[in-house]
Amino acid sequence: MATDSIRAIADQRFQQALTDSGARDPRDFYRERLRELRGRNPEAYRRAVEHFETRLIPAVAAEGSDPVREWLEYGRVLATLTAEGRTLQIDPGGRARGYAPPVAPDHLVIHLPGEAREPVLVVGLPTRLSPAQRATYDLLVSGLRG
């Protein structure tokens, strides 16, 4: 279990990493995903909280870690706990490949559920979506058809 001091260090390191990299802060989005999990699948929610406490916070607090990368991986964990499927990263040219850390900061990361009725989940957004990434986002995540 993460102590308050480890949490404070993790928060400080993550905030500094966001400032240094210009990356988007995913925590509000991930909190929403946790709320959904809590109501939909209590066991998956318990596992997500356990991962947060025992793996994410200590990893982010560890000297030499990459806090943005650790949080992105937590987003992937949340997505897989929400729906079985595949996590992909899409480069600025629109080419998709399987999720494999480290993910370049200009890549869009999405999770494609195995069930068609489940929505595509955003795991990580670059600071700015390229036109190809925007088209992918609009089609798969927003469901907009051109």
Protein backbone atom coordinates (compact mmCIF):
# COMPACT_ATOMS: atom_id res chain seq x y z
CA MET A 1 0.00 0.00 0.00
CA ALA A 2 1.35 3.41 -0.95
CA THR A 3 1.96 5.74 1.96
CA ASP A 4 1.02 9.42 1.93
CA SER A 5 4.68 10.42 1.52
CA ILE A 6 5.15 8.10 -1.47
CA ARG A 7 1.94 9.47 -2.98
CA ALA A 8 3.15 13.03 -2.52
CA ILE A 9 6.44 12.18 -4.23
CA ALA A 10 4.58 10.42 -7.06
CA ASP A 11 2.23 13.39 -7.53
CA GLN A 12 5.13 15.83 -7.58
CA ARG A 13 7.15 13.72 -10.04
CA PHE A 14 4.15 13.25 -12.35
CA GLN A 15 3.28 16.95 -12.29
CA GLN A 16 6.88 17.84 -13.14
CA ALA A 17 6.94 15.26 -15.96
CA LEU A 18 3.73 16.72 -17.40
CA THR A 19 5.21 20.22 -17.26
CA ASP A 20 8.49 19.11 -18.82
CA SER A 21 6.91 17.05 -21.60
CA GLY A 22 3.80 19.09 -22.32
CA ALA A 23 1.83 15.82 -22.19
CA ARG A 24 -1.87 15.79 -21.39
CA ASP A 25 -2.88 14.89 -17.86
CA PRO A 26 -5.00 11.71 -18.12
CA ARG A 27 -6.03 11.46 -14.47
CA ASP A 28 -9.56 12.92 -14.85
CA PHE A 29 -10.26 10.53 -17.70
CA TYR A 30 -8.88 7.58 -15.71
CA ARG A 31 -10.97 8.56 -12.67
CA GLU A 32 -14.05 8.44 -14.86
CA ARG A 33 -13.02 4.99 -16.07
CA LEU A 34 -12.65 3.90 -12.43
CA ARG A 35 -16.14 5.18 -11.59
CA GLU A 36 -17.54 3.19 -14.50
CA LEU A 37 -15.67 0.08 -13.37
CA ARG A 38 -16.90 0.44 -9.79
CA GLY A 39 -20.52 0.34 -10.93
CA ARG A 40 -20.08 -2.23 -13.66
CA ASN A 41 -17.54 -4.72 -12.35
CA PRO A 42 -16.59 -4.46 -8.65
CA GLU A 43 -13.87 -7.12 -8.95
CA ALA A 44 -12.20 -5.30 -11.85
CA TYR A 45 -12.48 -2.05 -9.86
CA ARG A 46 -10.77 -3.72 -6.87
CA ARG A 47 -7.96 -4.93 -9.13
CA ALA A 48 -7.58 -1.44 -10.65
CA VAL A 49 -7.31 0.18 -7.21
CA GLU A 50 -4.86 -2.49 -6.07
CA HIS A 51 -2.71 -1.89 -9.16
CA PHE A 52 -2.82 1.86 -8.48
CA GLU A 53 -1.72 1.43 -4.86
CA THR A 54 0.85 -1.34 -5.18
CA ARG A 55 2.34 -0.76 -8.63
CA LEU A 56 1.58 2.64 -10.17
CA ILE A 57 2.28 4.97 -7.24
CA PRO A 58 5.54 3.25 -6.17
CA ALA A 59 6.71 3.13 -9.82
CA VAL A 60 5.97 6.83 -10.41
CA ALA A 61 7.66 7.77 -7.14
CA ALA A 62 10.79 5.75 -7.98
CA GLU A 63 13.80 7.81 -8.98
CA GLY A 64 14.65 7.25 -12.64
CA SER A 65 11.17 6.13 -13.68
CA ASP A 66 9.16 7.78 -16.45
CA PRO A 67 5.97 8.98 -14.73
CA VAL A 68 4.11 9.71 -17.98
CA ARG A 69 4.90 6.23 -19.28
CA GLU A 70 3.79 4.66 -15.98
CA TRP A 71 0.46 6.49 -16.08
CA LEU A 72 -0.10 5.51 -19.73
CA GLU A 73 0.45 1.89 -18.78
CA TYR A 74 -2.08 2.30 -15.97
CA GLY A 75 -4.55 3.61 -18.55
CA ARG A 76 -3.96 0.45 -20.57
CA VAL A 77 -4.59 -1.66 -17.46
CA LEU A 78 -7.87 0.19 -16.86
CA ALA A 79 -8.91 -0.35 -20.47
CA THR A 80 -8.21 -4.08 -20.35
CA LEU A 81 -10.09 -4.38 -17.06
CA THR A 82 -13.02 -2.56 -18.69
CA ALA A 83 -13.15 -4.74 -21.82
CA GLU A 84 -11.04 -7.53 -23.28
CA GLY A 85 -9.47 -6.51 -26.54
CA ARG A 86 -6.37 -5.04 -28.15
CA THR A 87 -4.55 -1.84 -27.36
CA LEU A 88 -3.06 -0.02 -30.34
CA GLN A 89 -0.89 3.02 -30.87
CA ILE A 90 -1.47 5.19 -33.92
CA ASP A 91 1.38 7.32 -35.23
CA PRO A 92 0.83 10.79 -36.76
CA GLY A 93 0.63 9.25 -40.25
CA GLY A 94 -2.29 7.05 -39.16
CA ARG A 95 -0.38 3.78 -39.05
CA ALA A 96 -1.50 1.49 -36.22
CA ARG A 97 0.53 -1.13 -34.43
CA GLY A 98 0.20 -3.03 -31.19
CA TYR A 99 0.83 -1.12 -27.98
CA ALA A 100 4.48 -1.49 -27.00
CA PRO A 101 6.10 0.82 -24.46
CA PRO A 102 7.73 3.21 -24.69
CA VAL A 103 5.09 4.99 -26.73
CA ALA A 104 6.15 8.13 -28.56
CA PRO A 105 4.44 11.24 -27.15
CA ASP A 106 2.89 12.03 -30.54
CA HIS A 107 1.02 8.70 -30.73
CA LEU A 108 -2.68 8.19 -30.06
CA VAL A 109 -3.31 5.10 -27.90
CA ILE A 110 -6.69 3.36 -28.08
CA HIS A 111 -8.16 0.10 -26.84
CA LEU A 112 -10.35 -1.88 -29.25
CA PRO A 113 -12.72 -4.12 -27.30
CA GLY A 114 -13.33 -7.64 -28.57
CA GLU A 115 -17.09 -7.09 -28.30
CA ALA A 116 -18.53 -4.83 -31.00
CA ARG A 117 -21.09 -3.37 -28.58
CA GLU A 118 -18.35 -2.00 -26.31
CA PRO A 119 -16.98 1.47 -27.11
CA VAL A 120 -13.41 2.08 -28.23
CA LEU A 121 -11.50 3.48 -25.25
CA VAL A 122 -8.92 6.24 -25.35
CA VAL A 123 -5.84 5.33 -23.33
CA GLY A 124 -3.55 8.21 -24.31
CA LEU A 125 -3.83 11.36 -26.38
CA PRO A 126 -0.95 13.32 -27.87
CA THR A 127 -0.90 17.06 -27.23
CA ARG A 128 -2.21 17.58 -30.77
CA LEU A 129 -3.88 15.00 -32.97
CA SER A 130 -2.57 14.84 -36.55
CA PRO A 131 -5.20 14.83 -39.31
CA ALA A 132 -4.91 11.03 -39.60
CA GLN A 133 -5.20 10.59 -35.83
CA ARG A 134 -8.18 12.97 -35.76
CA ALA A 135 -9.90 10.88 -38.45
CA THR A 136 -9.20 7.70 -36.46
CA TYR A 137 -10.48 9.31 -33.26
CA ASP A 138 -13.60 10.68 -34.95
CA LEU A 139 -14.44 7.36 -36.58
CA LEU A 140 -13.60 4.89 -33.81
CA VAL A 141 -14.04 6.86 -30.60
CA SER A 142 -16.64 9.50 -31.43
CA GLY A 143 -18.45 7.43 -34.05
CA LEU A 144 -18.52 10.32 -36.51
CA ARG A 145 -18.84 9.36 -40.14
CA GLY A 146 -17.54 11.73 -42.81
